[in-house]
Amino acid sequence: GGSFFYGDGVITPAISVLSAIEGLEIIAPSLDRFIIPFSIAVL
């Protein structure tokens, strides 16, 4: 159980920040190519 928490510690930041930055697709679809760079910069 303790070891599994480390796996969760990798997925949670990645999916949380990505899902938030993906809001760019709704605001300006042309910016979708910047989602991954922005997510990496934030993290």
All heavy atoms as atom14 arrays in JSON, in Angstrom:
{
  "sequence": "GGSFFYGDGVITPAISVLSAIEGLEIIAPSLDRFIIPFSIAVL",
  "atom14_mask": [
    [1, 1, 1, 1, 0, 0, 0, 0, 0, 0, 0, 0, 0, 0],
    [1, 1, 1, 1, 0, 0, 0, 0, 0, 0, 0, 0, 0, 0],
    [1, 1, 1, 1, 1, 1, 0, 0, 0, 0, 0, 0, 0, 0],
    [1, 1, 1, 1, 1, 1, 1, 1, 1, 1, 1, 0, 0, 0],
    [1, 1, 1, 1, 1, 1, 1, 1, 1, 1, 1, 0, 0, 0],
    [1, 1, 1, 1, 1, 1, 1, 1, 1, 1, 1, 1, 0, 0],
    [1, 1, 1, 1, 0, 0, 0, 0, 0, 0, 0, 0, 0, 0],
    [1, 1, 1, 1, 1, 1, 1, 1, 0, 0, 0, 0, 0, 0],
    [1, 1, 1, 1, 0, 0, 0, 0, 0, 0, 0, 0, 0, 0],
    [1, 1, 1, 1, 1, 1, 1, 0, 0, 0, 0, 0, 0, 0],
    [1, 1, 1, 1, 1, 1, 1, 1, 0, 0, 0, 0, 0, 0],
    [1, 1, 1, 1, 1, 1, 1, 0, 0, 0, 0, 0, 0, 0],
    [1, 1, 1, 1, 1, 1, 1, 0, 0, 0, 0, 0, 0, 0],
    [1, 1, 1, 1, 1, 0, 0, 0, 0, 0, 0, 0, 0, 0],
    [1, 1, 1, 1, 1, 1, 1, 1, 0, 0, 0, 0, 0, 0],
    [1, 1, 1, 1, 1, 1, 0, 0, 0, 0, 0, 0, 0, 0],
    [1, 1, 1, 1, 1, 1, 1, 0, 0, 0, 0, 0, 0, 0],
    [1, 1, 1, 1, 1, 1, 1, 1, 0, 0, 0, 0, 0, 0],
    [1, 1, 1, 1, 1, 1, 0, 0, 0, 0, 0, 0, 0, 0],
    [1, 1, 1, 1, 1, 0, 0, 0, 0, 0, 0, 0, 0, 0],
    [1, 1, 1, 1, 1, 1, 1, 1, 0, 0, 0, 0, 0, 0],
    [1, 1, 1, 1, 1, 1, 1, 1, 1, 0, 0, 0, 0, 0],
    [1, 1, 1, 1, 0, 0, 0, 0, 0, 0, 0, 0, 0, 0],
    [1, 1, 1, 1, 1, 1, 1, 1, 0, 0, 0, 0, 0, 0],
    [1, 1, 1, 1, 1, 1, 1, 1, 1, 0, 0, 0, 0, 0],
    [1, 1, 1, 1, 1, 1, 1, 1, 0, 0, 0, 0, 0, 0],
    [1, 1, 1, 1, 1, 1, 1, 1, 0, 0, 0, 0, 0, 0],
    [1, 1, 1, 1, 1, 0, 0, 0, 0, 0, 0, 0, 0, 0],
    [1, 1, 1, 1, 1, 1, 1, 0, 0, 0, 0, 0, 0, 0],
    [1, 1, 1, 1, 1, 1, 0, 0, 0, 0, 0, 0, 0, 0],
    [1, 1, 1, 1, 1, 1, 1, 1, 0, 0, 0, 0, 0, 0],
    [1, 1, 1, 1, 1, 1, 1, 1, 0, 0, 0, 0, 0, 0],
    [1, 1, 1, 1, 1, 1, 1, 1, 1, 1, 1, 0, 0, 0],
    [1, 1, 1, 1, 1, 1, 1, 1, 1, 1, 1, 0, 0, 0],
    [1, 1, 1, 1, 1, 1, 1, 1, 0, 0, 0, 0, 0, 0],
    [1, 1, 1, 1, 1, 1, 1, 1, 0, 0, 0, 0, 0, 0],
    [1, 1, 1, 1, 1, 1, 1, 0, 0, 0, 0, 0, 0, 0],
    [1, 1, 1, 1, 1, 1, 1, 1, 1, 1, 1, 0, 0, 0],
    [1, 1, 1, 1, 1, 1, 0, 0, 0, 0, 0, 0, 0, 0],
    [1, 1, 1, 1, 1, 1, 1, 1, 0, 0, 0, 0, 0, 0],
    [1, 1, 1, 1, 1, 0, 0, 0, 0, 0, 0, 0, 0, 0],
    [1, 1, 1, 1, 1, 1, 1, 0, 0, 0, 0, 0, 0, 0],
    [1, 1, 1, 1, 1, 1, 1, 1, 0, 0, 0, 0, 0, 0]
  ],
  "atom14_positions": [
    [[0.82, -1.22, 0.0], [0.0, 0.0, 0.0], [0.84, 1.25, 0.0], [0.56, 2.22, -0.73], [0.0, 0.0, 0.0], [0.0, 0.0, 0.0], [0.0, 0.0, 0.0], [0.0, 0.0, 0.0], [0.0, 0.0, 0.0], [0.0, 0.0, 0.0], [0.0, 0.0, 0.0], [0.0, 0.0, 0.0], [0.0, 0.0, 0.0], [0.0, 0.0, 0.0]],
    [[1.91, 1.26, 0.82], [2.8, 2.41, 0.85], [3.5, 2.61, -0.49], [3.65, 3.75, -0.97], [0.0, 0.0, 0.0], [0.0, 0.0, 0.0], [0.0, 0.0, 0.0], [0.0, 0.0, 0.0], [0.0, 0.0, 0.0], [0.0, 0.0, 0.0], [0.0, 0.0, 0.0], [0.0, 0.0, 0.0], [0.0, 0.0, 0.0], [0.0, 0.0, 0.0]],
    [[3.94, 1.52, -1.11], [4.63, 1.61, -2.4], [3.7, 2.13, -3.49], [4.11, 2.9, -4.37], [5.16, 0.23, -2.8], [6.05, -0.27, -1.82], [0.0, 0.0, 0.0], [0.0, 0.0, 0.0], [0.0, 0.0, 0.0], [0.0, 0.0, 0.0], [0.0, 0.0, 0.0], [0.0, 0.0, 0.0], [0.0, 0.0, 0.0], [0.0, 0.0, 0.0]],
    [[2.44, 1.71, -3.45], [1.48, 2.17, -4.45], [1.31, 3.69, -4.42], [0.99, 4.31, -5.43], [0.12, 1.5, -4.22], [0.03, 0.13, -4.84], [-1.11, -0.66, -4.67], [1.06, -0.39, -5.61], [-1.2, -1.91, -5.24], [0.98, -1.64, -6.18], [-0.16, -2.41, -6.01], [0.0, 0.0, 0.0], [0.0, 0.0, 0.0], [0.0, 0.0, 0.0]],
    [[1.5, 4.28, -3.25], [1.33, 5.73, -3.13], [2.32, 6.48, -4.02], [2.03, 7.56, -4.53], [1.49, 6.18, -1.68], [1.15, 7.63, -1.45], [-0.16, 8.05, -1.36], [2.15, 8.59, -1.35], [-0.47, 9.39, -1.16], [1.86, 9.92, -1.15], [0.53, 10.33, -1.04], [0.0, 0.0, 0.0], [0.0, 0.0, 0.0], [0.0, 0.0, 0.0]],
    [[3.51, 5.89, -4.22], [4.5, 6.52, -5.09], [4.02, 6.53, -6.54], [4.26, 7.49, -7.28], [5.84, 5.8, -4.98], [6.55, 6.07, -3.67], [6.32, 5.29, -2.55], [7.46, 7.12, -3.56], [6.97, 5.53, -1.35], [8.12, 7.38, -2.37], [7.86, 6.59, -1.26], [8.5, 6.85, -0.07], [0.0, 0.0, 0.0], [0.0, 0.0, 0.0]],
    [[3.36, 5.45, -6.96], [2.78, 5.43, -8.29], [1.72, 6.49, -8.46], [1.65, 7.18, -9.5], [0.0, 0.0, 0.0], [0.0, 0.0, 0.0], [0.0, 0.0, 0.0], [0.0, 0.0, 0.0], [0.0, 0.0, 0.0], [0.0, 0.0, 0.0], [0.0, 0.0, 0.0], [0.0, 0.0, 0.0], [0.0, 0.0, 0.0], [0.0, 0.0, 0.0]],
    [[0.89, 6.66, -7.44], [-0.14, 7.7, -7.44], [0.52, 9.08, -7.49], [0.01, 10.01, -8.14], [-1.0, 7.56, -6.18], [-2.17, 8.53, -6.17], [-2.62, 8.92, -7.25], [-2.62, 8.89, -5.07], [0.0, 0.0, 0.0], [0.0, 0.0, 0.0], [0.0, 0.0, 0.0], [0.0, 0.0, 0.0], [0.0, 0.0, 0.0], [0.0, 0.0, 0.0]],
    [[1.68, 9.22, -6.82], [2.39, 10.5, -6.79], [2.92, 10.93, -8.13], [3.21, 12.12, -8.34], [0.0, 0.0, 0.0], [0.0, 0.0, 0.0], [0.0, 0.0, 0.0], [0.0, 0.0, 0.0], [0.0, 0.0, 0.0], [0.0, 0.0, 0.0], [0.0, 0.0, 0.0], [0.0, 0.0, 0.0], [0.0, 0.0, 0.0], [0.0, 0.0, 0.0]],
    [[3.07, 9.99, -9.07], [3.5, 10.34, -10.42], [2.31, 10.72, -11.3], [2.35, 11.73, -12.02], [4.27, 9.17, -11.06], [4.54, 9.44, -12.54], [5.57, 8.92, -10.31], [0.0, 0.0, 0.0], [0.0, 0.0, 0.0], [0.0, 0.0, 0.0], [0.0, 0.0, 0.0], [0.0, 0.0, 0.0], [0.0, 0.0, 0.0], [0.0, 0.0, 0.0]],
    [[1.23, 9.96, -11.22], [0.08, 10.18, -12.11], [-0.7, 11.43, -11.72], [-1.14, 12.2, -12.59], [-0.85, 8.95, -12.09], [-0.09, 7.72, -12.58], [-2.06, 9.2, -12.98], [0.39, 7.8, -14.0], [0.0, 0.0, 0.0], [0.0, 0.0, 0.0], [0.0, 0.0, 0.0], [0.0, 0.0, 0.0], [0.0, 0.0, 0.0], [0.0, 0.0, 0.0]],
    [[-0.9, 11.67, -10.42], [-1.75, 12.79, -9.98], [-1.28, 14.15, -10.48], [-2.07, 14.91, -11.06], [-1.88, 12.79, -8.45], [-2.54, 11.6, -8.03], [-2.68, 14.0, -7.98], [0.0, 0.0, 0.0], [0.0, 0.0, 0.0], [0.0, 0.0, 0.0], [0.0, 0.0, 0.0], [0.0, 0.0, 0.0], [0.0, 0.0, 0.0], [0.0, 0.0, 0.0]],
    [[0.0, 14.55, -10.3], [0.41, 15.85, -10.83], [0.25, 15.94, -12.35], [-0.16, 16.98, -12.88], [1.88, 15.96, -10.42], [2.03, 15.03, -9.27], [1.09, 13.9, -9.54], [0.0, 0.0, 0.0], [0.0, 0.0, 0.0], [0.0, 0.0, 0.0], [0.0, 0.0, 0.0], [0.0, 0.0, 0.0], [0.0, 0.0, 0.0], [0.0, 0.0, 0.0]],
    [[0.57, 14.84, -13.04], [0.51, 14.86, -14.5], [-0.92, 15.05, -15.0], [-1.2, 15.93, -15.82], [1.11, 13.58, -15.06], [0.0, 0.0, 0.0], [0.0, 0.0, 0.0], [0.0, 0.0, 0.0], [0.0, 0.0, 0.0], [0.0, 0.0, 0.0], [0.0, 0.0, 0.0], [0.0, 0.0, 0.0], [0.0, 0.0, 0.0], [0.0, 0.0, 0.0]],
    [[-1.86, 14.24, -14.5], [-3.24, 14.3, -15.0], [-3.94, 15.57, -14.52], [-4.75, 16.16, -15.27], [-4.04, 13.05, -14.57], [-5.37, 12.99, -15.31], [-4.27, 13.01, -13.06], [-6.15, 11.7, -15.06], [0.0, 0.0, 0.0], [0.0, 0.0, 0.0], [0.0, 0.0, 0.0], [0.0, 0.0, 0.0], [0.0, 0.0, 0.0], [0.0, 0.0, 0.0]],
    [[-3.62, 16.04, -13.33], [-4.29, 17.24, -12.8], [-3.91, 18.48, -13.6], [-4.77, 19.24, -14.06], [-3.94, 17.43, -11.32], [-4.39, 16.34, -10.54], [0.0, 0.0, 0.0], [0.0, 0.0, 0.0], [0.0, 0.0, 0.0], [0.0, 0.0, 0.0], [0.0, 0.0, 0.0], [0.0, 0.0, 0.0], [0.0, 0.0, 0.0], [0.0, 0.0, 0.0]],
    [[-2.6, 18.7, -13.77], [-2.15, 19.9, -14.48], [-2.53, 19.83, -15.96], [-2.99, 20.82, -16.54], [-0.63, 20.08, -14.31], [-0.12, 21.22, -15.19], [-0.3, 20.35, -12.84], [0.0, 0.0, 0.0], [0.0, 0.0, 0.0], [0.0, 0.0, 0.0], [0.0, 0.0, 0.0], [0.0, 0.0, 0.0], [0.0, 0.0, 0.0], [0.0, 0.0, 0.0]],
    [[-2.37, 18.67, -16.58], [-2.75, 18.52, -17.99], [-4.23, 18.84, -18.2], [-4.61, 19.55, -19.13], [-2.45, 17.11, -18.47], [-1.17, 16.88, -19.27], [-1.04, 15.41, -19.65], [-1.11, 17.76, -20.51], [0.0, 0.0, 0.0], [0.0, 0.0, 0.0], [0.0, 0.0, 0.0], [0.0, 0.0, 0.0], [0.0, 0.0, 0.0], [0.0, 0.0, 0.0]],
    [[-5.1, 18.3, -17.33], [-6.54, 18.5, -17.5], [-6.92, 19.96, -17.34], [-7.88, 20.44, -17.97], [-7.31, 17.64, -16.49], [-6.98, 17.98, -15.16], [0.0, 0.0, 0.0], [0.0, 0.0, 0.0], [0.0, 0.0, 0.0], [0.0, 0.0, 0.0], [0.0, 0.0, 0.0], [0.0, 0.0, 0.0], [0.0, 0.0, 0.0], [0.0, 0.0, 0.0]],
    [[-6.19, 20.7, -16.51], [-6.47, 22.13, -16.36], [-6.0, 22.92, -17.58], [-6.75, 23.74, -18.13], [-5.8, 22.66, -15.09], [0.0, 0.0, 0.0], [0.0, 0.0, 0.0], [0.0, 0.0, 0.0], [0.0, 0.0, 0.0], [0.0, 0.0, 0.0], [0.0, 0.0, 0.0], [0.0, 0.0, 0.0], [0.0, 0.0, 0.0], [0.0, 0.0, 0.0]],
    [[-4.76, 22.66, -18.02], [-4.22, 23.4, -19.17], [-5.0, 23.09, -20.44], [-5.07, 23.9, -21.37], [-2.73, 23.08, -19.36], [-1.94, 23.38, -18.08], [-2.14, 23.87, -20.52], [-1.91, 24.82, -17.68], [0.0, 0.0, 0.0], [0.0, 0.0, 0.0], [0.0, 0.0, 0.0], [0.0, 0.0, 0.0], [0.0, 0.0, 0.0], [0.0, 0.0, 0.0]],
    [[-5.62, 21.9, -20.49], [-6.42, 21.53, -21.67], [-7.62, 22.44, -21.87], [-8.28, 22.4, -22.93], [-6.85, 20.08, -21.58], [-5.74, 19.09, -21.93], [-6.05, 17.66, -21.56], [-7.14, 17.41, -21.0], [-5.21, 16.79, -21.82], [0.0, 0.0, 0.0], [0.0, 0.0, 0.0], [0.0, 0.0, 0.0], [0.0, 0.0, 0.0], [0.0, 0.0, 0.0]],
    [[-7.92, 23.28, -20.88], [-8.96, 24.28, -21.06], [-8.64, 25.25, -22.19], [-9.53, 25.92, -22.72], [0.0, 0.0, 0.0], [0.0, 0.0, 0.0], [0.0, 0.0, 0.0], [0.0, 0.0, 0.0], [0.0, 0.0, 0.0], [0.0, 0.0, 0.0], [0.0, 0.0, 0.0], [0.0, 0.0, 0.0], [0.0, 0.0, 0.0], [0.0, 0.0, 0.0]],
    [[-7.35, 25.31, -22.59], [-6.96, 26.15, -23.72], [-7.69, 25.73, -24.99], [-7.95, 26.56, -25.88], [-5.44, 26.06, -23.95], [-4.53, 26.84, -22.98], [-3.08, 26.49, -23.24], [-4.76, 28.34, -23.13], [0.0, 0.0, 0.0], [0.0, 0.0, 0.0], [0.0, 0.0, 0.0], [0.0, 0.0, 0.0], [0.0, 0.0, 0.0], [0.0, 0.0, 0.0]],
    [[-8.0, 24.44, -25.13], [-8.7, 23.95, -26.31], [-10.06, 24.6, -26.46], [-10.57, 24.77, -27.58], [-8.86, 22.43, -26.25], [-7.55, 21.66, -26.33], [-7.76, 20.16, -26.19], [-8.68, 19.76, -25.46], [-7.0, 19.4, -26.8], [0.0, 0.0, 0.0], [0.0, 0.0, 0.0], [0.0, 0.0, 0.0], [0.0, 0.0, 0.0], [0.0, 0.0, 0.0]],
    [[-10.68, 24.94, -25.33], [-12.01, 25.56, -25.36], [-11.88, 27.06, -25.63], [-12.66, 27.64, -26.4], [-12.74, 25.32, -24.03], [-12.81, 23.82, -23.72], [-14.13, 25.93, -24.05], [-13.54, 23.0, -24.77], [0.0, 0.0, 0.0], [0.0, 0.0, 0.0], [0.0, 0.0, 0.0], [0.0, 0.0, 0.0], [0.0, 0.0, 0.0], [0.0, 0.0, 0.0]],
    [[-10.89, 27.69, -25.0], [-10.72, 29.15, -25.14], [-10.19, 29.51, -26.51], [-10.7, 30.42, -27.18], [-9.78, 29.66, -24.04], [-10.38, 29.39, -22.66], [-9.5, 31.15, -24.21], [-9.45, 29.7, -21.51], [0.0, 0.0, 0.0], [0.0, 0.0, 0.0], [0.0, 0.0, 0.0], [0.0, 0.0, 0.0], [0.0, 0.0, 0.0], [0.0, 0.0, 0.0]],
    [[-9.13, 28.81, -26.94], [-8.51, 29.1, -28.24], [-7.98, 27.79, -28.81], [-6.86, 27.4, -28.47], [-7.39, 30.13, -28.08], [0.0, 0.0, 0.0], [0.0, 0.0, 0.0], [0.0, 0.0, 0.0], [0.0, 0.0, 0.0], [0.0, 0.0, 0.0], [0.0, 0.0, 0.0], [0.0, 0.0, 0.0], [0.0, 0.0, 0.0], [0.0, 0.0, 0.0]],
    [[-8.74, 27.12, -29.64], [-8.32, 25.8, -30.17], [-6.96, 25.82, -30.84], [-6.26, 24.8, -30.86], [-9.44, 25.46, -31.17], [-10.63, 26.22, -30.67], [-10.09, 27.49, -30.09], [0.0, 0.0, 0.0], [0.0, 0.0, 0.0], [0.0, 0.0, 0.0], [0.0, 0.0, 0.0], [0.0, 0.0, 0.0], [0.0, 0.0, 0.0], [0.0, 0.0, 0.0]],
    [[-6.56, 26.96, -31.38], [-5.27, 27.03, -32.07], [-4.08, 26.89, -31.12], [-2.95, 26.68, -31.56], [-5.16, 28.37, -32.82], [-5.24, 29.46, -31.91], [0.0, 0.0, 0.0], [0.0, 0.0, 0.0], [0.0, 0.0, 0.0], [0.0, 0.0, 0.0], [0.0, 0.0, 0.0], [0.0, 0.0, 0.0], [0.0, 0.0, 0.0], [0.0, 0.0, 0.0]],
    [[-4.34, 27.02, -29.81], [-3.25, 26.94, -28.82], [-3.06, 25.53, -28.27], [-2.26, 25.35, -27.35], [-3.54, 27.9, -27.65], [-3.6, 29.39, -27.98], [-3.95, 30.19, -26.72], [-2.27, 29.88, -28.56], [0.0, 0.0, 0.0], [0.0, 0.0, 0.0], [0.0, 0.0, 0.0], [0.0, 0.0, 0.0], [0.0, 0.0, 0.0], [0.0, 0.0, 0.0]],
    [[-3.77, 24.56, -28.83], [-3.7, 23.22, -28.25], [-2.3, 22.62, -28.31], [-1.93, 21.78, -27.5], [-4.7, 22.28, -28.91], [-4.42, 22.11, -30.41], [-3.65, 22.91, -30.96], [-5.0, 21.16, -31.0], [0.0, 0.0, 0.0], [0.0, 0.0, 0.0], [0.0, 0.0, 0.0], [0.0, 0.0, 0.0], [0.0, 0.0, 0.0], [0.0, 0.0, 0.0]],
    [[-1.47, 23.09, -29.28], [-0.11, 22.55, -29.36], [0.78, 23.01, -28.21], [1.89, 22.48, -28.03], [0.51, 22.92, -30.7], [0.76, 24.41, -30.9], [1.32, 24.68, -32.29], [1.68, 26.08, -32.51], [0.82, 27.01, -32.88], [-0.46, 26.69, -33.06], [1.22, 28.26, -33.07], [0.0, 0.0, 0.0], [0.0, 0.0, 0.0], [0.0, 0.0, 0.0]],
    [[0.31, 24.02, -27.47], [1.11, 24.52, -26.34], [0.74, 23.86, -25.01], [1.32, 24.2, -23.98], [0.93, 26.04, -26.21], [1.48, 26.82, -27.37], [0.62, 27.43, -28.27], [2.84, 26.92, -27.57], [1.1, 28.15, -29.35], [3.35, 27.63, -28.65], [2.48, 28.25, -29.54], [0.0, 0.0, 0.0], [0.0, 0.0, 0.0], [0.0, 0.0, 0.0]],
    [[-0.22, 22.95, -25.03], [-0.7, 22.35, -23.77], [0.42, 21.61, -23.06], [0.65, 21.81, -21.85], [-1.9, 21.42, -24.05], [-3.12, 22.24, -24.46], [-2.21, 20.57, -22.82], [-4.31, 21.41, -24.88], [0.0, 0.0, 0.0], [0.0, 0.0, 0.0], [0.0, 0.0, 0.0], [0.0, 0.0, 0.0], [0.0, 0.0, 0.0], [0.0, 0.0, 0.0]],
    [[1.13, 20.75, -23.78], [2.2, 19.97, -23.14], [3.35, 20.87, -22.68], [3.8, 20.76, -21.53], [2.71, 18.85, -24.08], [1.61, 17.8, -24.26], [3.98, 18.21, -23.53], [1.99, 16.66, -25.18], [0.0, 0.0, 0.0], [0.0, 0.0, 0.0], [0.0, 0.0, 0.0], [0.0, 0.0, 0.0], [0.0, 0.0, 0.0], [0.0, 0.0, 0.0]],
    [[3.86, 21.8, -23.52], [4.92, 22.7, -23.03], [4.5, 23.52, -21.81], [5.29, 23.68, -20.87], [5.2, 23.62, -24.23], [4.8, 22.81, -25.41], [3.61, 22.01, -24.96], [0.0, 0.0, 0.0], [0.0, 0.0, 0.0], [0.0, 0.0, 0.0], [0.0, 0.0, 0.0], [0.0, 0.0, 0.0], [0.0, 0.0, 0.0], [0.0, 0.0, 0.0]],
    [[3.26, 24.05, -21.81], [2.79, 24.82, -20.66], [2.72, 23.94, -19.42], [3.1, 24.36, -18.31], [1.41, 25.42, -20.96], [1.46, 26.64, -21.85], [0.29, 27.23, -22.31], [2.68, 27.2, -22.21], [0.32, 28.34, -23.15], [2.73, 28.31, -23.05], [1.56, 28.88, -23.52], [0.0, 0.0, 0.0], [0.0, 0.0, 0.0], [0.0, 0.0, 0.0]],
    [[2.23, 22.72, -19.58], [2.12, 21.8, -18.44], [3.5, 21.48, -17.86], [3.69, 21.47, -16.64], [1.43, 20.5, -18.86], [0.12, 20.75, -19.35], [0.0, 0.0, 0.0], [0.0, 0.0, 0.0], [0.0, 0.0, 0.0], [0.0, 0.0, 0.0], [0.0, 0.0, 0.0], [0.0, 0.0, 0.0], [0.0, 0.0, 0.0], [0.0, 0.0, 0.0]],
    [[4.45, 21.23, -18.75], [5.82, 20.94, -18.29], [6.41, 22.15, -17.58], [7.07, 22.02, -16.54], [6.7, 20.52, -19.48], [6.26, 19.15, -20.01], [8.17, 20.49, -19.09], [6.99, 18.7, -21.25], [0.0, 0.0, 0.0], [0.0, 0.0, 0.0], [0.0, 0.0, 0.0], [0.0, 0.0, 0.0], [0.0, 0.0, 0.0], [0.0, 0.0, 0.0]],
    [[6.15, 23.36, -18.11], [6.68, 24.57, -17.48], [6.1, 24.76, -16.08], [6.83, 25.09, -15.13], [6.35, 25.78, -18.36], [0.0, 0.0, 0.0], [0.0, 0.0, 0.0], [0.0, 0.0, 0.0], [0.0, 0.0, 0.0], [0.0, 0.0, 0.0], [0.0, 0.0, 0.0], [0.0, 0.0, 0.0], [0.0, 0.0, 0.0], [0.0, 0.0, 0.0]],
    [[4.79, 24.55, -15.94], [4.14, 24.7, -14.63], [4.71, 23.7, -13.62], [5.05, 24.06, -12.48], [2.61, 24.53, -14.76], [1.96, 24.41, -13.38], [2.0, 25.71, -15.52], [0.0, 0.0, 0.0], [0.0, 0.0, 0.0], [0.0, 0.0, 0.0], [0.0, 0.0, 0.0], [0.0, 0.0, 0.0], [0.0, 0.0, 0.0], [0.0, 0.0, 0.0]],
    [[4.84, 22.45, -14.04], [5.35, 21.42, -13.12], [6.83, 21.62, -12.81], [7.27, 21.35, -11.69], [5.11, 20.03, -13.72], [3.64, 19.58, -13.68], [3.43, 18.38, -14.59], [3.21, 19.26, -12.25], [0.0, 0.0, 0.0], [0.0, 0.0, 0.0], [0.0, 0.0, 0.0], [0.0, 0.0, 0.0], [0.0, 0.0, 0.0], [0.0, 0.0, 0.0]]
  ]
}
